[in-house]
Amino acid sequence: MRLEGAITVKNGANVRVGQGVFVSAGCQILDDGIVDIGDNVILGEGVRLVATDTAGVSIGSGVWIGDGAEINPGAHIGPGAMVCAGSVVDGEVPANGVVEGRPAKVTWYLR
């Protein structure tokens, strides 16, 4: 994992991180539940991942999450997806899907 600047992790024990992950400055990982981050994931500046003891967060391999995005409890982001800056993800993002908005909605697909 490569870190660019200071980040905040609430517990640490509930975070699983794959290989080649890049985390930008200002990211917050609130891991009261499981936060599972796949390989080759990029988290932009100020990204917030929130997991509770009843609802974790799962991020597939090859995902890019833009600056200031928020990934809420129970969110699952499929492999190869992209979350645009400032988006709020509350549920499922399909593989290779591009989501944007508050709440995030699929706007197109990559590949």
N, C-alpha and C. Protein backbone atom coordinates (compact mmCIF):
# COMPACT_ATOMS: atom_id res chain seq x y z
N MET A 1 0.85 -1.18 0.00
CA MET A 1 0.00 0.00 0.00
C MET A 1 0.89 1.24 0.00
N ARG A 2 0.48 2.23 -0.76
CA ARG A 2 1.21 3.49 -0.81
C ARG A 2 0.31 4.59 -0.28
N LEU A 3 0.82 5.36 0.66
CA LEU A 3 0.08 6.47 1.25
C LEU A 3 0.67 7.79 0.80
N GLU A 4 -0.19 8.74 0.47
CA GLU A 4 0.25 10.08 0.11
C GLU A 4 -0.30 11.03 1.16
N GLY A 5 0.45 11.30 2.19
CA GLY A 5 0.00 12.19 3.25
C GLY A 5 -0.72 11.46 4.35
N ALA A 6 -1.27 12.21 5.28
CA ALA A 6 -1.92 11.65 6.46
C ALA A 6 -3.32 11.14 6.14
N ILE A 7 -3.65 9.99 6.71
CA ILE A 7 -4.99 9.44 6.61
C ILE A 7 -5.45 9.09 8.03
N THR A 8 -6.75 8.81 8.19
CA THR A 8 -7.30 8.43 9.48
C THR A 8 -7.93 7.05 9.37
N VAL A 9 -7.56 6.16 10.28
CA VAL A 9 -8.17 4.84 10.37
C VAL A 9 -8.66 4.67 11.80
N LYS A 10 -9.95 4.38 11.97
CA LYS A 10 -10.53 4.34 13.31
C LYS A 10 -9.98 3.19 14.14
N ASN A 11 -10.07 1.96 13.64
CA ASN A 11 -9.61 0.79 14.40
C ASN A 11 -8.40 0.12 13.76
N GLY A 12 -8.49 -0.15 12.48
CA GLY A 12 -7.41 -0.81 11.76
C GLY A 12 -7.56 -2.32 11.69
N ALA A 13 -8.10 -2.91 12.74
CA ALA A 13 -8.22 -4.37 12.80
C ALA A 13 -9.22 -4.91 11.78
N ASN A 14 -10.14 -4.09 11.32
CA ASN A 14 -11.18 -4.55 10.40
C ASN A 14 -10.90 -4.19 8.94
N VAL A 15 -9.70 -3.71 8.64
CA VAL A 15 -9.36 -3.29 7.29
C VAL A 15 -8.50 -4.35 6.62
N ARG A 16 -8.94 -4.77 5.44
CA ARG A 16 -8.17 -5.72 4.62
C ARG A 16 -7.80 -5.00 3.33
N VAL A 17 -6.51 -4.94 3.03
CA VAL A 17 -6.03 -4.16 1.88
C VAL A 17 -5.23 -5.06 0.94
N GLY A 18 -5.57 -5.03 -0.35
CA GLY A 18 -4.86 -5.82 -1.35
C GLY A 18 -3.54 -5.17 -1.74
N GLN A 19 -2.93 -5.71 -2.78
CA GLN A 19 -1.65 -5.20 -3.26
C GLN A 19 -1.85 -4.03 -4.21
N GLY A 20 -0.87 -3.14 -4.25
CA GLY A 20 -0.88 -2.04 -5.20
C GLY A 20 -1.93 -0.98 -4.93
N VAL A 21 -2.36 -0.83 -3.69
CA VAL A 21 -3.38 0.15 -3.33
C VAL A 21 -2.72 1.50 -3.06
N PHE A 22 -3.33 2.57 -3.58
CA PHE A 22 -2.83 3.93 -3.39
C PHE A 22 -3.90 4.72 -2.64
N VAL A 23 -3.52 5.30 -1.51
CA VAL A 23 -4.44 6.07 -0.68
C VAL A 23 -3.94 7.51 -0.58
N SER A 24 -4.76 8.45 -1.02
CA SER A 24 -4.38 9.86 -1.01
C SER A 24 -4.61 10.51 0.35
N ALA A 25 -4.04 11.68 0.52
CA ALA A 25 -4.14 12.43 1.77
C ALA A 25 -5.59 12.71 2.15
N GLY A 26 -5.84 12.72 3.44
CA GLY A 26 -7.14 13.10 3.96
C GLY A 26 -8.19 12.01 3.96
N CYS A 27 -7.83 10.81 3.53
CA CYS A 27 -8.81 9.72 3.53
C CYS A 27 -9.15 9.30 4.95
N GLN A 28 -10.41 8.90 5.15
CA GLN A 28 -10.87 8.41 6.44
C GLN A 28 -11.45 7.01 6.25
N ILE A 29 -10.99 6.08 7.09
CA ILE A 29 -11.54 4.73 7.08
C ILE A 29 -12.10 4.48 8.46
N LEU A 30 -13.43 4.50 8.54
CA LEU A 30 -14.13 4.29 9.80
C LEU A 30 -14.59 2.84 9.83
N ASP A 31 -13.79 1.99 10.43
CA ASP A 31 -13.95 0.54 10.32
C ASP A 31 -14.51 -0.11 11.58
N ASP A 32 -15.73 0.26 11.94
CA ASP A 32 -16.42 -0.49 13.00
C ASP A 32 -16.84 -1.86 12.48
N GLY A 33 -16.88 -2.00 11.16
CA GLY A 33 -17.13 -3.27 10.48
C GLY A 33 -16.01 -3.52 9.48
N ILE A 34 -16.16 -4.58 8.68
CA ILE A 34 -15.13 -4.96 7.72
C ILE A 34 -15.07 -3.98 6.54
N VAL A 35 -13.86 -3.54 6.23
CA VAL A 35 -13.58 -2.76 5.02
C VAL A 35 -12.60 -3.60 4.21
N ASP A 36 -13.06 -4.09 3.07
CA ASP A 36 -12.26 -4.97 2.22
C ASP A 36 -11.92 -4.23 0.93
N ILE A 37 -10.63 -3.96 0.73
CA ILE A 37 -10.15 -3.21 -0.44
C ILE A 37 -9.32 -4.15 -1.30
N GLY A 38 -9.73 -4.33 -2.56
CA GLY A 38 -9.04 -5.23 -3.48
C GLY A 38 -7.71 -4.69 -3.96
N ASP A 39 -7.10 -5.39 -4.91
CA ASP A 39 -5.82 -5.01 -5.48
C ASP A 39 -5.96 -3.81 -6.42
N ASN A 40 -4.89 -3.03 -6.51
CA ASN A 40 -4.79 -1.93 -7.49
C ASN A 40 -5.95 -0.94 -7.42
N VAL A 41 -6.32 -0.58 -6.21
CA VAL A 41 -7.38 0.40 -5.98
C VAL A 41 -6.74 1.76 -5.72
N ILE A 42 -7.37 2.82 -6.22
CA ILE A 42 -6.91 4.19 -5.97
C ILE A 42 -8.01 4.93 -5.22
N LEU A 43 -7.66 5.48 -4.07
CA LEU A 43 -8.57 6.31 -3.29
C LEU A 43 -8.09 7.75 -3.40
N GLY A 44 -8.90 8.63 -3.97
CA GLY A 44 -8.54 10.03 -4.12
C GLY A 44 -8.53 10.76 -2.79
N GLU A 45 -8.15 12.03 -2.83
CA GLU A 45 -8.07 12.85 -1.62
C GLU A 45 -9.42 12.95 -0.92
N GLY A 46 -9.39 12.79 0.41
CA GLY A 46 -10.58 13.01 1.21
C GLY A 46 -11.68 11.98 1.07
N VAL A 47 -11.37 10.81 0.51
CA VAL A 47 -12.37 9.75 0.40
C VAL A 47 -12.70 9.25 1.81
N ARG A 48 -13.98 8.93 2.02
CA ARG A 48 -14.44 8.46 3.34
C ARG A 48 -15.12 7.10 3.16
N LEU A 49 -14.56 6.08 3.84
CA LEU A 49 -15.14 4.73 3.83
C LEU A 49 -15.73 4.48 5.21
N VAL A 50 -17.01 4.14 5.27
CA VAL A 50 -17.69 3.96 6.55
C VAL A 50 -18.32 2.58 6.61
N ALA A 51 -17.87 1.76 7.57
CA ALA A 51 -18.43 0.43 7.79
C ALA A 51 -18.90 0.33 9.23
N THR A 52 -20.05 -0.31 9.42
CA THR A 52 -20.57 -0.52 10.77
C THR A 52 -20.44 -1.98 11.13
N ASP A 53 -20.72 -2.31 12.39
CA ASP A 53 -20.63 -3.71 12.80
C ASP A 53 -21.69 -4.58 12.13
N THR A 54 -22.70 -3.98 11.53
CA THR A 54 -23.73 -4.75 10.83
C THR A 54 -23.64 -4.64 9.31
N ALA A 55 -22.84 -3.73 8.78
CA ALA A 55 -22.73 -3.54 7.34
C ALA A 55 -21.33 -3.07 6.97
N GLY A 56 -20.60 -3.94 6.28
CA GLY A 56 -19.24 -3.61 5.87
C GLY A 56 -19.22 -2.89 4.53
N VAL A 57 -17.99 -2.70 4.02
CA VAL A 57 -17.76 -2.08 2.73
C VAL A 57 -16.83 -3.00 1.95
N SER A 58 -17.15 -3.22 0.68
CA SER A 58 -16.33 -4.07 -0.18
C SER A 58 -15.99 -3.31 -1.45
N ILE A 59 -14.69 -3.24 -1.76
CA ILE A 59 -14.22 -2.54 -2.96
C ILE A 59 -13.42 -3.54 -3.79
N GLY A 60 -13.89 -3.81 -5.00
CA GLY A 60 -13.23 -4.77 -5.87
C GLY A 60 -11.90 -4.27 -6.41
N SER A 61 -11.18 -5.15 -7.05
CA SER A 61 -9.88 -4.81 -7.63
C SER A 61 -10.03 -3.86 -8.82
N GLY A 62 -9.03 -3.00 -8.98
CA GLY A 62 -8.99 -2.09 -10.12
C GLY A 62 -9.98 -0.94 -10.05
N VAL A 63 -10.45 -0.62 -8.87
CA VAL A 63 -11.44 0.46 -8.69
C VAL A 63 -10.72 1.79 -8.47
N TRP A 64 -11.30 2.85 -9.02
CA TRP A 64 -10.82 4.21 -8.76
C TRP A 64 -11.95 4.97 -8.10
N ILE A 65 -11.66 5.60 -6.94
CA ILE A 65 -12.64 6.40 -6.22
C ILE A 65 -12.13 7.83 -6.17
N GLY A 66 -12.91 8.75 -6.74
CA GLY A 66 -12.50 10.14 -6.87
C GLY A 66 -12.51 10.92 -5.57
N ASP A 67 -11.86 12.06 -5.60
CA ASP A 67 -11.72 12.94 -4.43
C ASP A 67 -13.07 13.23 -3.77
N GLY A 68 -13.09 13.16 -2.46
CA GLY A 68 -14.25 13.56 -1.68
C GLY A 68 -15.44 12.63 -1.75
N ALA A 69 -15.29 11.47 -2.36
CA ALA A 69 -16.40 10.52 -2.43
C ALA A 69 -16.62 9.88 -1.06
N GLU A 70 -17.85 9.45 -0.81
CA GLU A 70 -18.18 8.78 0.45
C GLU A 70 -18.80 7.42 0.13
N ILE A 71 -18.23 6.39 0.74
CA ILE A 71 -18.71 5.03 0.56
C ILE A 71 -19.33 4.61 1.89
N ASN A 72 -20.64 4.43 1.90
CA ASN A 72 -21.39 4.19 3.13
C ASN A 72 -21.54 2.72 3.46
N PRO A 73 -21.97 2.41 4.69
CA PRO A 73 -22.13 1.02 5.12
C PRO A 73 -22.99 0.20 4.16
N GLY A 74 -22.54 -1.01 3.89
CA GLY A 74 -23.26 -1.91 3.00
C GLY A 74 -22.93 -1.75 1.54
N ALA A 75 -22.09 -0.79 1.18
CA ALA A 75 -21.74 -0.56 -0.22
C ALA A 75 -20.82 -1.67 -0.73
N HIS A 76 -21.06 -2.06 -1.97
CA HIS A 76 -20.21 -3.02 -2.67
C HIS A 76 -19.88 -2.43 -4.03
N ILE A 77 -18.59 -2.22 -4.28
CA ILE A 77 -18.15 -1.65 -5.54
C ILE A 77 -17.46 -2.75 -6.34
N GLY A 78 -18.02 -3.08 -7.48
CA GLY A 78 -17.51 -4.17 -8.31
C GLY A 78 -16.17 -3.85 -8.93
N PRO A 79 -15.45 -4.90 -9.38
CA PRO A 79 -14.13 -4.71 -9.97
C PRO A 79 -14.18 -3.80 -11.20
N GLY A 80 -13.15 -2.97 -11.33
CA GLY A 80 -13.01 -2.10 -12.49
C GLY A 80 -13.93 -0.90 -12.52
N ALA A 81 -14.68 -0.67 -11.45
CA ALA A 81 -15.63 0.45 -11.41
C ALA A 81 -14.93 1.77 -11.11
N MET A 82 -15.65 2.85 -11.37
CA MET A 82 -15.13 4.18 -11.07
C MET A 82 -16.23 4.96 -10.35
N VAL A 83 -15.85 5.56 -9.22
CA VAL A 83 -16.76 6.42 -8.46
C VAL A 83 -16.27 7.84 -8.66
N CYS A 84 -17.09 8.68 -9.27
CA CYS A 84 -16.68 10.05 -9.56
C CYS A 84 -16.56 10.88 -8.29
N ALA A 85 -15.74 11.91 -8.37
CA ALA A 85 -15.48 12.79 -7.23
C ALA A 85 -16.77 13.33 -6.64
N GLY A 86 -16.82 13.34 -5.30
CA GLY A 86 -17.95 13.90 -4.59
C GLY A 86 -19.18 13.02 -4.51
N SER A 87 -19.13 11.84 -5.11
CA SER A 87 -20.29 10.95 -5.11
C SER A 87 -20.49 10.28 -3.76
N VAL A 88 -21.73 9.87 -3.48
CA VAL A 88 -22.06 9.15 -2.26
C VAL A 88 -22.65 7.81 -2.66
N VAL A 89 -21.95 6.73 -2.30
CA VAL A 89 -22.37 5.37 -2.66
C VAL A 89 -23.03 4.71 -1.45
N ASP A 90 -24.28 4.31 -1.65
CA ASP A 90 -25.03 3.66 -0.57
C ASP A 90 -25.29 2.18 -0.83
N GLY A 91 -25.10 1.72 -2.04
CA GLY A 91 -25.45 0.33 -2.36
C GLY A 91 -24.45 -0.32 -3.29
N GLU A 92 -24.96 -0.91 -4.35
CA GLU A 92 -24.18 -1.72 -5.28
C GLU A 92 -23.71 -0.88 -6.47
N VAL A 93 -22.43 -1.01 -6.81
CA VAL A 93 -21.88 -0.45 -8.04
C VAL A 93 -21.44 -1.65 -8.87
N PRO A 94 -22.01 -1.84 -10.07
CA PRO A 94 -21.67 -3.02 -10.86
C PRO A 94 -20.23 -2.98 -11.37
N ALA A 95 -19.70 -4.14 -11.71
CA ALA A 95 -18.36 -4.23 -12.29
C ALA A 95 -18.28 -3.32 -13.50
N ASN A 96 -17.19 -2.56 -13.60
CA ASN A 96 -16.92 -1.64 -14.71
C ASN A 96 -17.92 -0.50 -14.83
N GLY A 97 -18.76 -0.31 -13.82
CA GLY A 97 -19.72 0.78 -13.84
C GLY A 97 -19.09 2.09 -13.41
N VAL A 98 -19.59 3.17 -13.96
CA VAL A 98 -19.18 4.51 -13.55
C VAL A 98 -20.39 5.13 -12.86
N VAL A 99 -20.18 5.59 -11.62
CA VAL A 99 -21.27 6.20 -10.88
C VAL A 99 -20.91 7.63 -10.50
N GLU A 100 -21.96 8.45 -10.41
CA GLU A 100 -21.75 9.83 -9.97
C GLU A 100 -23.03 10.34 -9.33
N GLY A 101 -22.86 11.33 -8.47
CA GLY A 101 -24.00 11.99 -7.86
C GLY A 101 -24.16 11.64 -6.39
N ARG A 102 -25.18 12.29 -5.80
CA ARG A 102 -25.49 12.15 -4.38
C ARG A 102 -26.98 11.91 -4.25
N PRO A 103 -27.46 10.70 -4.25
CA PRO A 103 -26.75 9.43 -4.21
C PRO A 103 -26.21 9.05 -5.59
N ALA A 104 -25.18 8.22 -5.56
CA ALA A 104 -24.51 7.80 -6.80
C ALA A 104 -25.42 6.92 -7.65
N LYS A 105 -25.42 7.20 -8.94
CA LYS A 105 -26.19 6.41 -9.92
C LYS A 105 -25.27 6.06 -11.09
N VAL A 106 -25.49 4.91 -11.70
CA VAL A 106 -24.70 4.48 -12.85
C VAL A 106 -25.00 5.40 -14.02
N THR A 107 -23.92 5.95 -14.61
CA THR A 107 -24.09 6.83 -15.77
C THR A 107 -23.56 6.21 -17.06
N TRP A 108 -22.62 5.29 -16.95
CA TRP A 108 -22.13 4.53 -18.10
C TRP A 108 -21.25 3.39 -17.63
N TYR A 109 -20.72 2.63 -18.58
CA TYR A 109 -19.85 1.48 -18.26
C TYR A 109 -18.53 1.63 -18.99
N LEU A 110 -17.45 1.20 -18.32
CA LEU A 110 -16.12 1.18 -18.93
C LEU A 110 -15.95 -0.15 -19.65
N ARG A 111 -15.16 -0.13 -20.69
CA ARG A 111 -14.80 -1.32 -21.48
C ARG A 111 -15.89 -1.76 -22.37
